[in-house]
Amino acid sequence: MTNIAVIGDEKSGRSSLASKLGKKGTDSDITLYNDDRHERKYVFIDSKSYPKSLKSLTAALNLADMVVLCVTPQGLTAHTGECIIAADLLGFRHGIIAITMADTSYGAVIDDLKAKLKKITAGTTLENWDIIALNTNKDAPNAFEGVDTLKDRIHELADQIEPDLRAKDELPPRVVIDHFFNVTGIGIVILGRVLQGTIHTHDKIGLYPVDKKVDIRSIQTHDIDVKAASTGARVGVGLKGLLERELERGFLLSDSEKMSSEFDIRCRVSAFAKNGIKKDDSLNMFVGLQSDSVRVNKITVNGSEVEKAGPGQECIVTVEAGKKIAYSPDDLFLLAHLSETQRFVAAGKAD
């Protein structure tokens, strides 16, 4: 199974495109569209509430293996740039830029936009992404032109991603929770994605950062009961041994997680974060699907404590959250300044 984030500003055509790629499923601040018509299953995740909500964008990205960034022929916006920065900070190697609504413009305009996109993504993880012009207008003379090309490229990238997913199957299991609810007669059901490893029915597994053991009663993928699910699978898991009020989005099913409310994050400040990071700044921190407000207590550059780290500068940022966060050493911490036009300021791993 391959999970694909479909992102862009609110008028980018992302929702229309996602709805053409799969059947609508779970709908909240993100909307999931499922395509199970092929041997390999796909889940398309529309960052529905972005740009109003950064959580919608970070949730879509952190559930995904690849990204489709949607841009219209009308050109680049500040939020397009913010999406590019987020995908770059999170290190996405696999992705596609889709120029949507191509039926509303001329070839020369689209060629000019492609050149601008190549220029703005140079030096980022997006610089080698294919750029595909398409439309989702059934009434256009060239209705849905480019959509099949996009699908073909998605299949090619999924083939490249698959070995990376299978290489994680033997790792300790780790499932991130994005939705949950109580089902009468069954109990708590969580929806989420297997980040690594394999889960089995009747496994006893930890819930973090609650740090308690729960039992896996049942597992479903694409509404089909299964005995096990491995890396990349989108799952519905019936759990025994907890209450709905104990859950939050972003919690993890895992054998072991680090937990803390204080972090030393080794990071590089985004070159586009013009004000950098200052001591005593109040930022928002995103770790997987968990998030919290944090205070910057210390900034260290080349072993010395400083008051500020500027754009492009490498540093260690010491932050304190208001609650415990569960994480692993490979998790990326994304820092954002909600009062800035370009809100993402840095990403890195916690020491």
Protein backbone atom coordinates (compact mmCIF):
# COMPACT_ATOMS: atom_id res chain seq x y z
CA MET A 1 0.00 0.00 0.00
CA THR A 2 1.23 3.48 -0.88
CA ASN A 3 0.07 6.63 0.93
CA ILE A 4 0.13 9.90 -1.00
CA ALA A 5 -0.32 13.42 0.40
CA VAL A 6 -2.17 15.76 -1.98
CA ILE A 7 -1.25 19.30 -0.93
CA GLY A 8 -1.36 22.90 -2.14
CA ASP A 9 -3.17 26.12 -1.31
CA GLU A 10 -6.94 26.15 -0.89
CA LYS A 11 -7.61 27.06 -4.55
CA SER A 12 -5.01 24.70 -5.99
CA GLY A 13 -7.47 22.04 -7.14
CA ARG A 14 -6.06 19.51 -4.67
CA SER A 15 -9.47 18.30 -3.42
CA SER A 16 -10.88 17.91 -6.92
CA LEU A 17 -7.81 15.93 -7.98
CA ALA A 18 -7.83 13.71 -4.89
CA SER A 19 -11.51 12.92 -5.44
CA LYS A 20 -10.71 11.76 -8.98
CA LEU A 21 -7.96 9.45 -7.75
CA GLY A 22 -9.90 7.50 -5.13
CA LYS A 23 -13.17 6.89 -3.31
CA LYS A 24 -13.90 9.19 -0.37
CA GLY A 25 -13.37 7.65 3.04
CA THR A 26 -12.52 9.16 6.43
CA ASP A 27 -13.26 12.90 6.47
CA SER A 28 -12.12 15.39 9.11
CA ASP A 29 -9.47 18.12 8.78
CA ILE A 30 -7.90 15.68 6.32
CA THR A 31 -9.89 13.64 3.80
CA LEU A 32 -8.78 10.19 2.70
CA TYR A 33 -9.55 8.83 -0.75
CA ASN A 34 -9.00 5.10 -1.27
CA ASP A 35 -8.10 3.38 -4.52
CA ASP A 36 -8.18 -0.41 -4.13
CA ARG A 37 -8.77 -1.22 -7.82
CA HIS A 38 -5.17 -2.30 -8.37
CA GLU A 39 -2.95 -5.01 -6.96
CA ARG A 40 -1.20 -2.26 -5.02
CA LYS A 41 -3.61 -0.19 -2.94
CA TYR A 42 -3.39 3.59 -2.72
CA VAL A 43 -4.59 6.11 -0.16
CA PHE A 44 -4.67 9.79 -1.19
CA ILE A 45 -4.66 12.23 1.74
CA ASP A 46 -6.11 15.68 1.04
CA SER A 47 -4.84 18.37 3.43
CA LYS A 48 -8.40 19.71 3.47
CA SER A 49 -8.12 22.38 6.19
CA TYR A 50 -4.83 23.91 5.02
CA PRO A 51 -3.81 26.77 4.95
CA LYS A 52 -6.03 27.71 7.91
CA SER A 53 -4.70 24.74 9.85
CA LEU A 54 -1.03 23.75 9.72
CA LYS A 55 -1.99 20.48 11.46
CA SER A 56 -3.91 19.44 8.34
CA LEU A 57 -0.79 19.83 6.19
CA THR A 58 1.62 18.20 8.64
CA ALA A 59 -0.79 15.31 9.24
CA ALA A 60 -1.12 14.63 5.50
CA LEU A 61 2.65 14.75 5.03
CA ASN A 62 3.48 12.59 8.02
CA LEU A 63 1.07 9.88 6.86
CA ALA A 64 2.54 9.82 3.35
CA ASP A 65 5.20 8.00 1.35
CA MET A 66 5.07 10.51 -1.51
CA VAL A 67 3.58 13.91 -2.28
CA VAL A 68 1.52 15.44 -5.08
CA LEU A 69 1.88 19.23 -4.89
CA CYS A 70 -0.93 21.04 -6.73
CA VAL A 71 -0.38 24.42 -8.40
CA THR A 72 -2.70 26.31 -10.77
CA PRO A 73 -1.68 28.19 -13.94
CA GLN A 74 -2.47 31.41 -12.06
CA GLY A 75 0.94 31.01 -10.46
CA LEU A 76 2.71 30.51 -7.18
CA THR A 77 1.32 31.75 -3.88
CA ALA A 78 2.82 32.15 -0.42
CA HIS A 79 1.10 28.93 0.60
CA THR A 80 2.56 27.09 -2.39
CA GLY A 81 5.95 28.16 -1.10
CA GLU A 82 5.07 27.01 2.40
CA CYS A 83 4.11 23.57 1.06
CA ILE A 84 7.44 23.35 -0.79
CA ILE A 85 9.33 24.28 2.37
CA ALA A 86 7.43 21.72 4.48
CA ALA A 87 8.05 18.89 1.99
CA ASP A 88 11.72 19.86 1.80
CA LEU A 89 12.19 20.09 5.58
CA LEU A 90 10.62 16.63 5.95
CA GLY A 91 12.96 15.26 3.27
CA PHE A 92 10.46 13.93 0.71
CA ARG A 93 12.42 12.40 -2.18
CA HIS A 94 9.41 11.00 -4.03
CA GLY A 95 6.80 13.34 -5.42
CA ILE A 96 5.12 15.03 -8.36
CA ILE A 97 4.12 18.63 -9.03
CA ALA A 98 0.69 18.75 -10.68
CA ILE A 99 -0.29 21.88 -12.60
CA THR A 100 -4.06 21.63 -12.20
CA MET A 101 -6.75 23.37 -14.27
CA ALA A 102 -4.45 23.29 -17.29
CA ASP A 103 -7.53 23.56 -19.53
CA THR A 104 -7.97 27.18 -18.36
CA SER A 105 -4.63 28.38 -19.68
CA TYR A 106 -2.28 28.39 -22.68
CA GLY A 107 0.71 26.16 -23.30
CA ALA A 108 3.16 29.08 -23.12
CA VAL A 109 1.85 30.09 -19.69
CA ILE A 110 2.21 26.54 -18.41
CA ASP A 111 5.74 26.27 -19.83
CA ASP A 112 6.64 29.52 -18.03
CA LEU A 113 5.18 28.17 -14.77
CA LYS A 114 7.18 24.95 -15.14
CA ALA A 115 10.36 27.04 -15.49
CA LYS A 116 9.48 29.03 -12.35
CA LEU A 117 8.82 25.83 -10.42
CA LYS A 118 12.17 24.38 -11.48
CA LYS A 119 13.87 27.56 -10.29
CA ILE A 120 12.11 27.78 -6.92
CA THR A 121 12.63 24.08 -6.10
CA ALA A 122 16.33 24.07 -7.06
CA GLY A 123 18.41 22.86 -4.13
CA THR A 124 15.42 21.26 -2.38
CA THR A 125 14.30 17.64 -2.29
CA LEU A 126 11.68 18.61 -4.88
CA GLU A 127 14.14 19.67 -7.58
CA ASN A 128 13.91 16.43 -9.58
CA TRP A 129 10.17 15.90 -9.25
CA ASP A 130 8.25 15.55 -12.52
CA ILE A 131 5.90 18.42 -13.37
CA ILE A 132 2.67 17.25 -15.01
CA ALA A 133 -0.05 19.53 -16.42
CA LEU A 134 -3.58 18.13 -16.13
CA ASN A 135 -7.23 18.96 -15.63
CA THR A 136 -10.12 17.33 -13.79
CA ASN A 137 -12.84 19.10 -15.77
CA LYS A 138 -15.25 16.61 -17.34
CA ASP A 139 -16.66 19.38 -19.57
CA ALA A 140 -13.32 20.47 -21.03
CA PRO A 141 -12.62 19.62 -24.70
CA ASN A 142 -9.62 17.65 -23.45
CA ALA A 143 -11.37 16.33 -20.32
CA PHE A 144 -9.04 14.76 -17.73
CA GLU A 145 -5.99 15.28 -19.93
CA GLY A 146 -2.83 14.48 -17.97
CA VAL A 147 -4.57 12.48 -15.22
CA ASP A 148 -3.51 9.13 -16.69
CA THR A 149 0.06 10.44 -17.01
CA LEU A 150 -0.06 11.37 -13.32
CA LYS A 151 -1.37 7.92 -12.38
CA ASP A 152 1.37 6.22 -14.39
CA ARG A 153 4.03 8.27 -12.60
CA ILE A 154 2.46 7.47 -9.23
CA HIS A 155 2.69 3.75 -10.08
CA GLU A 156 6.37 4.16 -11.04
CA LEU A 157 7.20 5.98 -7.80
CA ALA A 158 5.26 3.40 -5.78
CA ASP A 159 7.47 0.70 -7.31
CA GLN A 160 10.53 2.64 -6.12
CA ILE A 161 9.10 3.10 -2.62
CA GLU A 162 8.01 -0.51 -2.10
CA PRO A 163 11.50 -1.95 -1.32
CA ASP A 164 11.98 0.74 1.35
CA LEU A 165 8.70 -0.25 2.98
CA ARG A 166 9.46 -3.97 2.90
CA ALA A 167 12.89 -3.33 4.45
CA LYS A 168 11.07 -2.03 7.56
CA ASP A 169 8.83 -5.08 8.01
CA GLU A 170 11.24 -6.78 10.41
CA LEU A 171 11.61 -3.72 12.64
CA PRO A 172 9.66 -3.42 15.91
CA PRO A 173 6.02 -2.52 15.15
CA ARG A 174 4.95 1.12 15.19
CA VAL A 175 1.48 2.42 14.28
CA VAL A 176 0.51 6.11 14.26
CA ILE A 177 -3.12 6.90 15.15
CA ASP A 178 -4.95 9.55 13.13
CA HIS A 179 -8.61 8.88 14.07
CA PHE A 180 -10.42 6.86 16.73
CA PHE A 181 -13.95 6.11 17.91
CA ASN A 182 -16.00 3.82 20.14
CA VAL A 183 -18.04 1.07 18.43
CA THR A 184 -20.88 -0.48 20.42
CA GLY A 185 -20.18 -4.13 21.08
CA ILE A 186 -16.58 -3.87 19.88
CA GLY A 187 -14.97 -1.09 21.88
CA ILE A 188 -12.26 1.32 20.78
CA VAL A 189 -11.27 1.30 17.11
CA ILE A 190 -8.31 3.34 15.93
CA LEU A 191 -7.49 4.27 12.35
CA GLY A 192 -3.90 4.78 11.38
CA ARG A 193 -0.87 3.72 9.43
CA VAL A 194 1.76 1.07 10.14
CA LEU A 195 5.00 3.06 10.10
CA GLN A 196 7.21 0.01 10.48
CA GLY A 197 7.12 -3.63 11.49
CA THR A 198 4.12 -5.96 11.53
CA ILE A 199 1.17 -6.08 13.92
CA HIS A 200 -0.91 -9.21 14.56
CA THR A 201 -4.29 -9.89 16.11
CA HIS A 202 -3.97 -10.84 19.80
CA ASP A 203 -0.66 -8.94 20.12
CA LYS A 204 -0.19 -7.03 23.35
CA ILE A 205 1.37 -3.67 22.50
CA GLY A 206 2.16 -0.37 24.19
CA LEU A 207 0.20 2.86 23.75
CA TYR A 208 2.38 5.96 23.92
CA PRO A 209 2.74 8.52 25.43
CA VAL A 210 0.10 7.03 27.78
CA ASP A 211 2.62 4.22 28.43
CA LYS A 212 0.17 1.39 28.99
CA LYS A 213 -0.39 -2.01 27.40
CA VAL A 214 -3.40 -2.74 25.20
CA ASP A 215 -4.58 -5.83 23.31
CA ILE A 216 -5.14 -5.92 19.55
CA ARG A 217 -8.56 -7.56 19.10
CA SER A 218 -8.94 -7.15 15.34
CA ILE A 219 -7.27 -5.63 12.27
CA GLN A 220 -8.84 -4.42 9.03
CA THR A 221 -7.30 -3.03 5.85
CA HIS A 222 -9.67 -1.57 3.24
CA ASP A 223 -12.61 -2.97 5.29
CA ILE A 224 -11.28 -6.54 5.06
CA ASP A 225 -10.46 -8.50 8.23
CA VAL A 226 -6.83 -9.62 8.32
CA LYS A 227 -4.62 -11.39 10.85
CA ALA A 228 -1.60 -9.13 10.33
CA ALA A 229 -0.59 -5.82 8.71
CA SER A 230 2.88 -4.61 7.76
CA THR A 231 4.71 -1.39 6.95
CA GLY A 232 2.71 1.10 4.90
CA ALA A 233 -0.68 -0.51 5.51
CA ARG A 234 -3.60 1.70 6.42
CA VAL A 235 -5.42 -0.08 9.23
CA GLY A 236 -8.42 -0.07 11.46
CA VAL A 237 -7.48 -1.75 14.74
CA GLY A 238 -9.86 -2.87 17.46
CA LEU A 239 -8.23 -2.41 20.87
CA LYS A 240 -9.01 -3.76 24.31
CA GLY A 241 -7.85 -2.22 27.55
CA LEU A 242 -8.35 1.54 27.18
CA LEU A 243 -10.95 4.30 27.15
CA GLU A 244 -11.64 6.78 24.36
CA ARG A 245 -10.68 9.69 26.61
CA GLU A 246 -7.15 8.27 26.91
CA LEU A 247 -6.51 8.74 23.17
CA GLU A 248 -5.32 11.67 21.08
CA ARG A 249 -4.38 11.96 17.43
CA GLY A 250 -0.72 11.14 16.97
CA PHE A 251 -0.51 8.58 19.77
CA LEU A 252 1.51 5.50 18.86
CA LEU A 253 1.09 1.75 19.19
CA SER A 254 4.62 0.52 19.77
CA ASP A 255 6.78 -1.79 21.86
CA SER A 256 8.93 1.10 23.04
CA GLU A 257 9.09 4.88 22.58
CA LYS A 258 11.10 7.69 24.07
CA MET A 259 8.98 10.20 25.97
CA SER A 260 9.77 13.71 27.11
CA SER A 261 8.51 17.28 27.28
CA GLU A 262 12.01 18.78 26.85
CA PHE A 263 14.02 18.36 23.66
CA ASP A 264 17.38 19.31 22.21
CA ILE A 265 16.63 19.48 18.50
CA ARG A 266 19.61 19.46 16.16
CA CYS A 267 18.38 21.35 13.11
CA ARG A 268 19.04 23.76 10.28
CA VAL A 269 16.92 26.90 10.19
CA SER A 270 15.04 27.23 6.90
CA ALA A 271 16.65 29.64 4.45
CA PHE A 272 13.17 31.16 4.02
CA ALA A 273 12.64 31.83 7.75
CA LYS A 274 13.70 35.47 7.53
CA ASN A 275 13.49 36.10 11.28
CA GLY A 276 15.21 32.85 12.25
CA ILE A 277 14.71 31.45 15.76
CA LYS A 278 15.22 33.52 18.90
CA LYS A 279 15.61 32.54 22.53
CA ASP A 280 12.24 32.75 24.35
CA ASP A 281 10.30 32.39 21.08
CA SER A 282 6.94 30.63 21.36
CA LEU A 283 6.72 28.09 18.54
CA ASN A 284 4.53 25.20 17.52
CA MET A 285 6.19 21.79 17.31
CA PHE A 286 4.98 18.91 15.15
CA VAL A 287 6.31 15.37 15.65
CA GLY A 288 4.55 12.89 13.42
CA LEU A 289 0.88 13.62 14.14
CA GLN A 290 1.54 14.95 17.64
CA SER A 291 1.80 18.69 18.20
CA ASP A 292 2.15 21.21 21.01
CA SER A 293 3.20 24.75 21.74
CA VAL A 294 6.82 25.01 22.88
CA ARG A 295 9.10 27.66 24.33
CA VAL A 296 12.68 28.08 23.13
CA ASN A 297 14.85 27.92 26.25
CA LYS A 298 18.28 27.84 24.61
CA ILE A 299 19.98 28.04 21.22
CA THR A 300 23.45 26.60 20.69
CA VAL A 301 25.64 27.27 17.64
CA ASN A 302 29.09 25.65 17.35
CA GLY A 303 29.06 24.80 21.05
CA SER A 304 28.25 28.34 22.22
CA GLU A 305 24.94 29.61 23.54
CA VAL A 306 23.47 32.40 21.38
CA GLU A 307 20.37 34.57 21.39
CA LYS A 308 19.37 33.84 17.79
CA ALA A 309 19.94 31.42 14.90
CA GLY A 310 19.49 32.98 11.47
CA PRO A 311 18.21 31.61 8.15
CA GLY A 312 20.22 28.61 6.93
CA GLN A 313 22.15 28.30 10.20
CA GLU A 314 22.76 24.94 11.89
CA CYS A 315 22.01 24.90 15.60
CA ILE A 316 20.68 22.97 18.56
CA VAL A 317 17.36 24.38 19.76
CA THR A 318 16.32 23.44 23.29
CA VAL A 319 12.54 23.59 23.66
CA GLU A 320 10.01 22.76 26.36
CA ALA A 321 6.49 21.53 25.60
CA GLY A 322 3.44 21.52 27.83
CA LYS A 323 2.97 17.76 27.65
CA LYS A 324 4.91 14.57 27.03
CA ILE A 325 5.59 13.64 23.42
CA ALA A 326 6.38 10.09 22.27
CA TYR A 327 9.08 9.76 19.64
CA SER A 328 11.87 7.64 18.19
CA PRO A 329 15.44 8.79 17.36
CA ASP A 330 14.60 8.90 13.62
CA ASP A 331 11.53 11.12 13.98
CA LEU A 332 11.73 14.61 12.51
CA PHE A 333 10.63 17.53 14.68
CA LEU A 334 9.10 20.37 12.68
CA LEU A 335 9.08 23.85 14.24
CA ALA A 336 6.69 26.61 13.14
CA HIS A 337 6.11 30.26 14.00
CA LEU A 338 2.38 30.82 13.54
CA SER A 339 2.65 34.62 13.38
CA GLU A 340 4.96 34.60 10.34
CA THR A 341 3.83 34.64 6.70
CA GLN A 342 6.00 31.57 6.03
CA ARG A 343 5.36 29.60 9.19
CA PHE A 344 7.79 26.66 9.06
CA VAL A 345 11.17 27.66 10.49
CA ALA A 346 13.20 24.48 11.03
CA ALA A 347 13.24 20.69 11.20
CA GLY A 348 15.57 18.25 12.88
CA LYS A 349 16.00 15.26 15.16
CA ALA A 350 16.10 15.24 18.94
CA ASP A 351 19.36 14.22 20.62
